Amino acid sequence: MGKNIEVLLGVPNSEVIPLAVDPAKAESWVRTNIQPYFPAVNIKYLVVGNEISPNNDNNGLSFFLMSTLQNFQNSLSKAGLKDIKLTSSFDTSILRNPYMDVPSNISFVIESLEFLDPFLKFISSNGAPFMVNIYPYYAHVINPVGLDLDYALFNSSKGNLFEALLDSMYSALQKAGYASLEVVVAETGWPSAGGVSACVESQRIYVTKLLEQVKKGTPKNHNKPIETYLFSMFDEDIKGAPQIESHFGLFTPNKDLKFVFSGAFN
């Protein structure tokens, strides 16, 4: 893998608590998972945990995230790897009424703001971005009338759900006093099977139009490209329930590309 290819490396939720309570484990993790590959592999971000929030099923981990980040910061510094940015990735459960109001009115849920404030200070001081997972598919399934398929698939004359959710995050950060933070989309995608509105054609439309969207920015950030990571490369055929989770890949497990799309990923 070339130096010019930037990589996002994740620390799974299952490791957050052990790494929080034992700083030596963070040092060992860095020695095992980063040092043998860096700088040949250009690891841009170390993303600690996924969708940790007091407002979802990962609420128990919210008490440990900052300790884990601090232990990793010390470990990276000790290893001379200060250029790797430390952050975490969040879902839309941290927002108040994200699907019921215009982006400019959106703010963080109070419980989330109390949890996020030390984290936001941490990434601000280290020049790291605020990472979010944006899935218009799930929002559409929850509210198929108010958030119709055209709005979710970039086919509406009234804008689209992806840009509305991203601008909602920017509005919430601004209200919390962190307007200067950059938002990076750590995950987004559309399933090709396994649920309502999930098919290869919808996936093709979403990915193709997403590529156009991220180049031009959003209403809140015109002409500013959006750093975005697509979920995922391959279908996860051995993943457990719900079934829909197994079908977000661009390729089948047999490495067959599901569709041909126009555009480029860079």
C-alpha atoms as a PDB file:
ATOM      1  CA  MET A   1       0.000   0.000   0.000  1.00  0.00           C
ATOM      2  CA  GLY A   2       1.437   3.338  -1.056  1.00  0.00           C
ATOM      3  CA  LYS A   3       2.209   6.224   1.242  1.00  0.00           C
ATOM      4  CA  ASN A   4      -0.273   8.385  -0.672  1.00  0.00           C
ATOM      5  CA  ILE A   5      -3.207   6.175   0.407  1.00  0.00           C
ATOM      6  CA  GLU A   6      -4.557   7.365   3.736  1.00  0.00           C
ATOM      7  CA  VAL A   7      -5.966   4.775   6.121  1.00  0.00           C
ATOM      8  CA  LEU A   8      -8.505   4.967   8.910  1.00  0.00           C
ATOM      9  CA  LEU A   9      -7.655   2.414  11.626  1.00  0.00           C
ATOM     10  CA  GLY A  10     -10.326   1.462  14.140  1.00  0.00           C
ATOM     11  CA  VAL A  11     -10.223   0.216  17.730  1.00  0.00           C
ATOM     12  CA  PRO A  12     -13.320  -1.979  18.349  1.00  0.00           C
ATOM     13  CA  ASN A  13     -15.728  -1.260  21.182  1.00  0.00           C
ATOM     14  CA  SER A  14     -14.855  -4.579  22.814  1.00  0.00           C
ATOM     15  CA  GLU A  15     -11.363  -3.224  23.571  1.00  0.00           C
ATOM     16  CA  VAL A  16     -12.323   0.201  24.924  1.00  0.00           C
ATOM     17  CA  ILE A  17     -12.670  -0.792  28.604  1.00  0.00           C
ATOM     18  CA  PRO A  18      -9.500  -2.952  28.824  1.00  0.00           C
ATOM     19  CA  LEU A  19      -7.514  -0.172  27.152  1.00  0.00           C
ATOM     20  CA  ALA A  20      -8.997   2.435  29.493  1.00  0.00           C
ATOM     21  CA  VAL A  21      -8.101   0.655  32.724  1.00  0.00           C
ATOM     22  CA  ASP A  22      -4.586  -0.466  31.737  1.00  0.00           C
ATOM     23  CA  PRO A  23      -2.279   2.047  29.971  1.00  0.00           C
ATOM     24  CA  ALA A  24       0.172  -0.775  29.225  1.00  0.00           C
ATOM     25  CA  LYS A  25      -2.432  -2.388  26.977  1.00  0.00           C
ATOM     26  CA  ALA A  26      -2.578   0.773  24.869  1.00  0.00           C
ATOM     27  CA  GLU A  27       1.204   0.708  24.476  1.00  0.00           C
ATOM     28  CA  SER A  28       1.034  -2.957  23.476  1.00  0.00           C
ATOM     29  CA  TRP A  29      -1.785  -2.217  21.006  1.00  0.00           C
ATOM     30  CA  VAL A  30       0.310   0.476  19.328  1.00  0.00           C
ATOM     31  CA  ARG A  31       3.367  -1.798  19.144  1.00  0.00           C
ATOM     32  CA  THR A  32       1.321  -4.620  17.604  1.00  0.00           C
ATOM     33  CA  ASN A  33      -1.110  -2.846  15.307  1.00  0.00           C
ATOM     34  CA  ILE A  34       0.631   0.378  14.239  1.00  0.00           C
ATOM     35  CA  GLN A  35       4.416   0.387  14.559  1.00  0.00           C
ATOM     36  CA  PRO A  36       5.094  -2.644  12.295  1.00  0.00           C
ATOM     37  CA  TYR A  37       3.159  -0.995   9.443  1.00  0.00           C
ATOM     38  CA  PHE A  38       3.845   2.734   9.824  1.00  0.00           C
ATOM     39  CA  PRO A  39       4.926   4.715   7.792  1.00  0.00           C
ATOM     40  CA  ALA A  40       4.626   2.251   4.880  1.00  0.00           C
ATOM     41  CA  VAL A  41       0.909   2.368   5.630  1.00  0.00           C
ATOM     42  CA  ASN A  42      -0.190   5.990   5.987  1.00  0.00           C
ATOM     43  CA  ILE A  43      -2.463   5.761   9.038  1.00  0.00           C
ATOM     44  CA  LYS A  44      -4.231   9.124   9.120  1.00  0.00           C
ATOM     45  CA  TYR A  45      -6.711   8.474  11.940  1.00  0.00           C
ATOM     46  CA  LEU A  46      -6.904   6.123  14.883  1.00  0.00           C
ATOM     47  CA  VAL A  47     -10.640   5.904  15.568  1.00  0.00           C
ATOM     48  CA  VAL A  48     -11.248   4.657  19.110  1.00  0.00           C
ATOM     49  CA  GLY A  49     -14.669   3.054  19.476  1.00  0.00           C
ATOM     50  CA  ASN A  50     -17.726   3.335  17.278  1.00  0.00           C
ATOM     51  CA  GLU A  51     -21.073   4.981  18.040  1.00  0.00           C
ATOM     52  CA  ILE A  52     -20.411   5.323  21.769  1.00  0.00           C
ATOM     53  CA  SER A  53     -23.109   7.515  23.287  1.00  0.00           C
ATOM     54  CA  PRO A  54     -25.203   7.850  26.462  1.00  0.00           C
ATOM     55  CA  ASN A  55     -28.215   7.746  24.127  1.00  0.00           C
ATOM     56  CA  ASN A  56     -27.779   4.303  22.564  1.00  0.00           C
ATOM     57  CA  ASP A  57     -26.909   0.694  23.423  1.00  0.00           C
ATOM     58  CA  ASN A  58     -23.222   1.593  23.888  1.00  0.00           C
ATOM     59  CA  ASN A  59     -23.956   3.944  26.799  1.00  0.00           C
ATOM     60  CA  GLY A  60     -21.874   1.886  29.244  1.00  0.00           C
ATOM     61  CA  LEU A  61     -18.729   2.622  27.246  1.00  0.00           C
ATOM     62  CA  SER A  62     -19.238   6.382  27.455  1.00  0.00           C
ATOM     63  CA  PHE A  63     -17.618   6.380  30.925  1.00  0.00           C
ATOM     64  CA  PHE A  64     -14.378   4.923  29.529  1.00  0.00           C
ATOM     65  CA  LEU A  65     -13.832   6.611  26.158  1.00  0.00           C
ATOM     66  CA  MET A  66     -11.781   9.566  27.376  1.00  0.00           C
ATOM     67  CA  SER A  67      -9.447   7.381  29.446  1.00  0.00           C
ATOM     68  CA  THR A  68      -8.861   5.161  26.429  1.00  0.00           C
ATOM     69  CA  LEU A  69      -8.106   8.157  24.224  1.00  0.00           C
ATOM     70  CA  GLN A  70      -5.708   9.576  26.813  1.00  0.00           C
ATOM     71  CA  ASN A  71      -3.862   6.269  27.111  1.00  0.00           C
ATOM     72  CA  PHE A  72      -3.550   6.067  23.337  1.00  0.00           C
ATOM     73  CA  GLN A  73      -2.320   9.655  23.112  1.00  0.00           C
ATOM     74  CA  ASN A  74       0.425   8.899  25.621  1.00  0.00           C
ATOM     75  CA  SER A  75       1.317   5.672  23.800  1.00  0.00           C
ATOM     76  CA  LEU A  76       1.482   7.314  20.364  1.00  0.00           C
ATOM     77  CA  SER A  77       3.599  10.143  21.776  1.00  0.00           C
ATOM     78  CA  LYS A  78       5.989   7.680  23.398  1.00  0.00           C
ATOM     79  CA  ALA A  79       6.302   5.810  20.087  1.00  0.00           C
ATOM     80  CA  GLY A  80       6.955   9.020  18.129  1.00  0.00           C
ATOM     81  CA  LEU A  81       3.673   8.750  16.210  1.00  0.00           C
ATOM     82  CA  LYS A  82       2.207  12.175  16.966  1.00  0.00           C
ATOM     83  CA  ASP A  83       1.025  12.711  13.378  1.00  0.00           C
ATOM     84  CA  ILE A  84      -1.714  10.084  13.741  1.00  0.00           C
ATOM     85  CA  LYS A  85      -4.923  11.865  14.735  1.00  0.00           C
ATOM     86  CA  LEU A  86      -6.937  10.349  17.578  1.00  0.00           C
ATOM     87  CA  THR A  87     -10.720  10.556  17.445  1.00  0.00           C
ATOM     88  CA  SER A  88     -13.921   8.514  17.732  1.00  0.00           C
ATOM     89  CA  SER A  89     -17.028   8.122  15.566  1.00  0.00           C
ATOM     90  CA  PHE A  90     -20.636   8.865  16.549  1.00  0.00           C
ATOM     91  CA  ASP A  91     -24.124   8.215  15.240  1.00  0.00           C
ATOM     92  CA  THR A  92     -27.115  10.541  15.031  1.00  0.00           C
ATOM     93  CA  SER A  93     -28.435   9.491  18.478  1.00  0.00           C
ATOM     94  CA  ILE A  94     -26.363  12.354  19.900  1.00  0.00           C
ATOM     95  CA  LEU A  95     -28.616  14.884  18.115  1.00  0.00           C
ATOM     96  CA  ARG A  96     -31.939  16.301  19.276  1.00  0.00           C
ATOM     97  CA  ASN A  97     -34.711  15.726  16.711  1.00  0.00           C
ATOM     98  CA  PRO A  98     -32.364  15.267  13.727  1.00  0.00           C
ATOM     99  CA  TYR A  99     -35.159  14.090  11.416  1.00  0.00           C
ATOM    100  CA  MET A 100     -37.888  16.468  12.610  1.00  0.00           C
ATOM    101  CA  ASP A 101     -36.419  19.947  12.090  1.00  0.00           C
ATOM    102  CA  VAL A 102     -34.201  21.951   9.754  1.00  0.00           C
ATOM    103  CA  PRO A 103     -30.434  21.567  10.296  1.00  0.00           C
ATOM    104  CA  SER A 104     -29.986  25.101  11.638  1.00  0.00           C
ATOM    105  CA  ASN A 105     -32.244  24.259  14.610  1.00  0.00           C
ATOM    106  CA  ILE A 106     -30.490  21.042  15.569  1.00  0.00           C
ATOM    107  CA  SER A 107     -28.367  20.737  18.712  1.00  0.00           C
ATOM    108  CA  PHE A 108     -26.888  17.944  20.808  1.00  0.00           C
ATOM    109  CA  VAL A 109     -29.073  16.072  23.280  1.00  0.00           C
ATOM    110  CA  ILE A 110     -28.209  17.397  26.763  1.00  0.00           C
ATOM    111  CA  GLU A 111     -26.838  14.053  27.994  1.00  0.00           C
ATOM    112  CA  SER A 112     -24.710  13.778  24.859  1.00  0.00           C
ATOM    113  CA  LEU A 113     -23.353  17.301  25.208  1.00  0.00           C
ATOM    114  CA  GLU A 114     -22.167  16.608  28.763  1.00  0.00           C
ATOM    115  CA  PHE A 115     -20.469  13.436  27.505  1.00  0.00           C
ATOM    116  CA  LEU A 116     -19.056  15.053  24.367  1.00  0.00           C
ATOM    117  CA  ASP A 117     -17.638  18.264  25.826  1.00  0.00           C
ATOM    118  CA  PRO A 118     -14.333  16.806  27.128  1.00  0.00           C
ATOM    119  CA  PHE A 119     -14.015  14.799  23.919  1.00  0.00           C
ATOM    120  CA  LEU A 120     -14.541  17.907  21.774  1.00  0.00           C
ATOM    121  CA  LYS A 121     -11.907  19.760  23.796  1.00  0.00           C
ATOM    122  CA  PHE A 122      -9.549  16.800  23.278  1.00  0.00           C
ATOM    123  CA  ILE A 123      -9.857  16.634  19.490  1.00  0.00           C
ATOM    124  CA  SER A 124      -9.786  20.434  19.187  1.00  0.00           C
ATOM    125  CA  SER A 125      -6.448  20.559  20.987  1.00  0.00           C
ATOM    126  CA  ASN A 126      -5.043  17.774  18.791  1.00  0.00           C
ATOM    127  CA  GLY A 127      -6.296  18.952  15.404  1.00  0.00           C
ATOM    128  CA  ALA A 128      -8.453  15.859  14.871  1.00  0.00           C
ATOM    129  CA  PRO A 129     -11.857  15.856  13.154  1.00  0.00           C
ATOM    130  CA  PHE A 130     -15.277  15.032  14.563  1.00  0.00           C
ATOM    131  CA  MET A 131     -16.330  11.788  12.912  1.00  0.00           C
ATOM    132  CA  VAL A 132     -19.921  10.723  12.272  1.00  0.00           C
ATOM    133  CA  ASN A 133     -21.729   7.770  10.717  1.00  0.00           C
ATOM    134  CA  ILE A 134     -24.489   8.949   8.391  1.00  0.00           C
ATOM    135  CA  TYR A 135     -27.011   6.415   7.113  1.00  0.00           C
ATOM    136  CA  PRO A 136     -29.986   7.925   5.262  1.00  0.00           C
ATOM    137  CA  TYR A 137     -31.222   4.376   4.701  1.00  0.00           C
ATOM    138  CA  TYR A 138     -32.074   3.827   8.371  1.00  0.00           C
ATOM    139  CA  ALA A 139     -33.662   7.257   8.719  1.00  0.00           C
ATOM    140  CA  HIS A 140     -35.859   6.501   5.694  1.00  0.00           C
ATOM    141  CA  VAL A 141     -36.918   3.125   7.127  1.00  0.00           C
ATOM    142  CA  ILE A 142     -37.867   4.744  10.449  1.00  0.00           C
ATOM    143  CA  ASN A 143     -39.921   7.480   8.745  1.00  0.00           C
ATOM    144  CA  PRO A 144     -40.690   6.442   5.135  1.00  0.00           C
ATOM    145  CA  VAL A 145     -43.358   9.116   4.661  1.00  0.00           C
ATOM    146  CA  GLY A 146     -41.596  12.157   6.096  1.00  0.00           C
ATOM    147  CA  LEU A 147     -38.185  11.033   4.793  1.00  0.00           C
ATOM    148  CA  ASP A 148     -39.164   9.471   1.482  1.00  0.00           C
ATOM    149  CA  LEU A 149     -36.951   7.366  -0.758  1.00  0.00           C
ATOM    150  CA  ASP A 150     -36.232  10.162  -3.227  1.00  0.00           C
ATOM    151  CA  TYR A 151     -35.021  12.410  -0.396  1.00  0.00           C
ATOM    152  CA  ALA A 152     -32.780   9.612   0.912  1.00  0.00           C
ATOM    153  CA  LEU A 153     -31.395   8.783  -2.555  1.00  0.00           C
ATOM    154  CA  PHE A 154     -30.439  12.338  -3.626  1.00  0.00           C
ATOM    155  CA  ASN A 155     -33.420  12.485  -6.040  1.00  0.00           C
ATOM    156  CA  SER A 156     -35.458  15.243  -4.393  1.00  0.00           C
ATOM    157  CA  SER A 157     -35.676  18.878  -5.482  1.00  0.00           C
ATOM    158  CA  LYS A 158     -35.706  19.821  -1.754  1.00  0.00           C
ATOM    159  CA  GLY A 159     -32.150  18.698  -1.079  1.00  0.00           C
ATOM    160  CA  ASN A 160     -31.224  15.343   0.413  1.00  0.00           C
ATOM    161  CA  LEU A 161     -31.015  13.556   3.725  1.00  0.00           C
ATOM    162  CA  PHE A 162     -27.243  13.076   3.672  1.00  0.00           C
ATOM    163  CA  GLU A 163     -26.498  16.807   3.488  1.00  0.00           C
ATOM    164  CA  ALA A 164     -29.249  17.600   6.011  1.00  0.00           C
ATOM    165  CA  LEU A 165     -27.761  15.208   8.591  1.00  0.00           C
ATOM    166  CA  LEU A 166     -24.223  16.443   7.975  1.00  0.00           C
ATOM    167  CA  ASP A 167     -25.265  20.080   8.329  1.00  0.00           C
ATOM    168  CA  SER A 168     -27.195  19.140  11.483  1.00  0.00           C
ATOM    169  CA  MET A 169     -23.914  17.930  12.977  1.00  0.00           C
ATOM    170  CA  TYR A 170     -22.207  21.192  12.038  1.00  0.00           C
ATOM    171  CA  SER A 171     -25.062  23.178  13.606  1.00  0.00           C
ATOM    172  CA  ALA A 172     -24.870  21.161  16.827  1.00  0.00           C
ATOM    173  CA  LEU A 173     -21.102  21.695  17.023  1.00  0.00           C
ATOM    174  CA  GLN A 174     -21.546  25.416  16.445  1.00  0.00           C
ATOM    175  CA  LYS A 175     -24.122  25.698  19.242  1.00  0.00           C
ATOM    176  CA  ALA A 176     -21.769  23.785  21.555  1.00  0.00           C
ATOM    177  CA  GLY A 177     -18.948  26.250  20.854  1.00  0.00           C
ATOM    178  CA  TYR A 178     -16.923  24.119  18.439  1.00  0.00           C
ATOM    179  CA  ALA A 179     -17.725  25.694  15.074  1.00  0.00           C
ATOM    180  CA  SER A 180     -14.128  25.332  13.878  1.00  0.00           C
ATOM    181  CA  LEU A 181     -14.137  21.524  14.032  1.00  0.00           C
ATOM    182  CA  GLU A 182     -14.205  19.649  10.738  1.00  0.00           C
ATOM    183  CA  VAL A 183     -16.770  16.868  10.363  1.00  0.00           C
ATOM    184  CA  VAL A 184     -15.594  13.718   8.588  1.00  0.00           C
ATOM    185  CA  VAL A 185     -18.080  11.038   7.526  1.00  0.00           C
ATOM    186  CA  ALA A 186     -16.572   7.835   8.905  1.00  0.00           C
ATOM    187  CA  GLU A 187     -19.309   5.574   7.508  1.00  0.00           C
ATOM    188  CA  THR A 188     -22.103   5.827   4.986  1.00  0.00           C
ATOM    189  CA  GLY A 189     -23.672   3.424   2.528  1.00  0.00           C
ATOM    190  CA  TRP A 190     -26.808   1.705   1.300  1.00  0.00           C
ATOM    191  CA  PRO A 191     -27.737  -2.022   1.486  1.00  0.00           C
ATOM    192  CA  SER A 192     -28.407  -4.087  -1.619  1.00  0.00           C
ATOM    193  CA  ALA A 193     -30.692  -6.646   0.061  1.00  0.00           C
ATOM    194  CA  GLY A 194     -32.165  -7.750   3.378  1.00  0.00           C
ATOM    195  CA  GLY A 195     -34.793  -5.094   4.075  1.00  0.00           C
ATOM    196  CA  VAL A 196     -37.256  -2.478   2.890  1.00  0.00           C
ATOM    197  CA  SER A 197     -35.922  -0.293   0.016  1.00  0.00           C
ATOM    198  CA  ALA A 198     -32.749  -2.384  -0.068  1.00  0.00           C
ATOM    199  CA  CYS A 199     -31.780  -3.423  -3.592  1.00  0.00           C
ATOM    200  CA  VAL A 200     -28.792  -3.219  -5.927  1.00  0.00           C
ATOM    201  CA  GLU A 201     -30.315  -0.409  -7.981  1.00  0.00           C
ATOM    202  CA  SER A 202     -30.911   1.785  -4.914  1.00  0.00           C
ATOM    203  CA  GLN A 203     -27.384   1.051  -3.734  1.00  0.00           C
ATOM    204  CA  ARG A 204     -26.009   2.036  -7.152  1.00  0.00           C
ATOM    205  CA  ILE A 205     -27.950   5.307  -7.107  1.00  0.00           C
ATOM    206  CA  TYR A 206     -26.875   6.142  -3.562  1.00  0.00           C
ATOM    207  CA  VAL A 207     -23.171   5.487  -4.120  1.00  0.00           C
ATOM    208  CA  THR A 208     -23.066   7.243  -7.507  1.00  0.00           C
ATOM    209  CA  LYS A 209     -24.833  10.359  -6.255  1.00  0.00           C
ATOM    210  CA  LEU A 210     -22.889  10.331  -2.997  1.00  0.00           C
ATOM    211  CA  LEU A 211     -19.695  10.701  -5.020  1.00  0.00           C
ATOM    212  CA  GLU A 212     -21.169  13.815  -6.645  1.00  0.00           C
ATOM    213  CA  GLN A 213     -22.357  15.194  -3.295  1.00  0.00           C
ATOM    214  CA  VAL A 214     -19.057  14.889  -1.434  1.00  0.00           C
ATOM    215  CA  LYS A 215     -17.240  16.853  -4.129  1.00  0.00           C
ATOM    216  CA  LYS A 216     -19.526  19.893  -3.899  1.00  0.00           C
ATOM    217  CA  GLY A 217     -20.190  20.121  -0.167  1.00  0.00           C
ATOM    218  CA  THR A 218     -23.454  20.984   1.569  1.00  0.00           C
ATOM    219  CA  PRO A 219     -25.657  24.109   1.915  1.00  0.00           C
ATOM    220  CA  LYS A 220     -23.756  25.040   5.085  1.00  0.00           C
ATOM    221  CA  ASN A 221     -20.360  24.463   3.448  1.00  0.00           C
ATOM    222  CA  HIS A 222     -20.636  25.257  -0.264  1.00  0.00           C
ATOM    223  CA  ASN A 223     -17.826  24.004  -2.512  1.00  0.00           C
ATOM    224  CA  LYS A 224     -16.031  22.341   0.397  1.00  0.00           C
ATOM    225  CA  PRO A 225     -15.362  18.648  -0.368  1.00  0.00           C
ATOM    226  CA  ILE A 226     -16.541  16.251   2.320  1.00  0.00           C
ATOM    227  CA  GLU A 227     -14.027  13.678   3.534  1.00  0.00           C
ATOM    228  CA  THR A 228     -16.133  10.516   3.425  1.00  0.00           C
ATOM    229  CA  TYR A 229     -15.522   6.793   3.956  1.00  0.00           C
ATOM    230  CA  LEU A 230     -17.868   4.320   2.300  1.00  0.00           C
ATOM    231  CA  PHE A 231     -19.200   1.323   4.182  1.00  0.00           C
ATOM    232  CA  SER A 232     -18.259  -1.164   2.971  1.00  0.00           C
ATOM    233  CA  MET A 233     -15.986  -2.890   0.470  1.00  0.00           C
ATOM    234  CA  PHE A 234     -17.436  -6.413   0.838  1.00  0.00           C
ATOM    235  CA  ASP A 235     -20.701  -7.932   2.003  1.00  0.00           C
ATOM    236  CA  GLU A 236     -20.295  -9.558   5.429  1.00  0.00           C
ATOM    237  CA  ASP A 237     -21.970 -12.896   4.799  1.00  0.00           C
ATOM    238  CA  ILE A 238     -21.201 -14.340   8.244  1.00  0.00           C
ATOM    239  CA  LYS A 239     -22.398 -11.282  10.148  1.00  0.00           C
ATOM    240  CA  GLY A 240     -25.255 -11.933  12.555  1.00  0.00           C
ATOM    241  CA  ALA A 241     -28.707 -10.368  12.742  1.00  0.00           C
ATOM    242  CA  PRO A 242     -30.172  -8.126  11.523  1.00  0.00           C
ATOM    243  CA  GLN A 243     -29.829  -9.469   7.979  1.00  0.00           C
ATOM    244  CA  ILE A 244     -29.651  -6.005   6.460  1.00  0.00           C
ATOM    245  CA  GLU A 245     -26.207  -5.483   8.052  1.00  0.00           C
ATOM    246  CA  SER A 246     -24.698  -8.123   5.747  1.00  0.00           C
ATOM    247  CA  HIS A 247     -25.439  -6.335   2.466  1.00  0.00           C
ATOM    248  CA  PHE A 248     -23.670  -2.954   2.461  1.00  0.00           C
ATOM    249  CA  GLY A 249     -20.678  -4.097   0.401  1.00  0.00           C
ATOM    250  CA  LEU A 250     -19.790  -2.923  -3.090  1.00  0.00           C
ATOM    251  CA  PHE A 251     -18.599  -6.471  -3.722  1.00  0.00           C
ATOM    252  CA  THR A 252     -20.064  -9.858  -2.856  1.00  0.00           C
ATOM    253  CA  PRO A 253     -17.990 -12.202  -0.672  1.00  0.00           C
ATOM    254  CA  ASN A 254     -16.896 -13.836  -3.954  1.00  0.00           C
ATOM    255  CA  LYS A 255     -15.335 -10.514  -5.036  1.00  0.00           C
ATOM    256  CA  ASP A 256     -17.977  -9.824  -7.690  1.00  0.00           C
ATOM    257  CA  LEU A 257     -18.747  -6.123  -8.153  1.00  0.00           C
ATOM    258  CA  LYS A 258     -22.492  -5.620  -7.696  1.00  0.00           C
ATOM    259  CA  PHE A 259     -22.838  -2.742 -10.162  1.00  0.00           C
ATOM    260  CA  VAL A 260     -20.854  -0.400 -12.364  1.00  0.00           C
ATOM    261  CA  PHE A 261     -21.013   3.265 -11.399  1.00  0.00           C
ATOM    262  CA  SER A 262     -19.644   6.486 -12.842  1.00  0.00           C
ATOM    263  CA  GLY A 263     -17.358   8.803 -10.974  1.00  0.00           C
ATOM    264  CA  ALA A 264     -14.207   8.361  -8.952  1.00  0.00           C
ATOM    265  CA  PHE A 265     -13.419   7.941  -5.282  1.00  0.00           C
ATOM    266  CA  ASN A 266     -10.744  10.642  -5.169  1.00  0.00           C
END
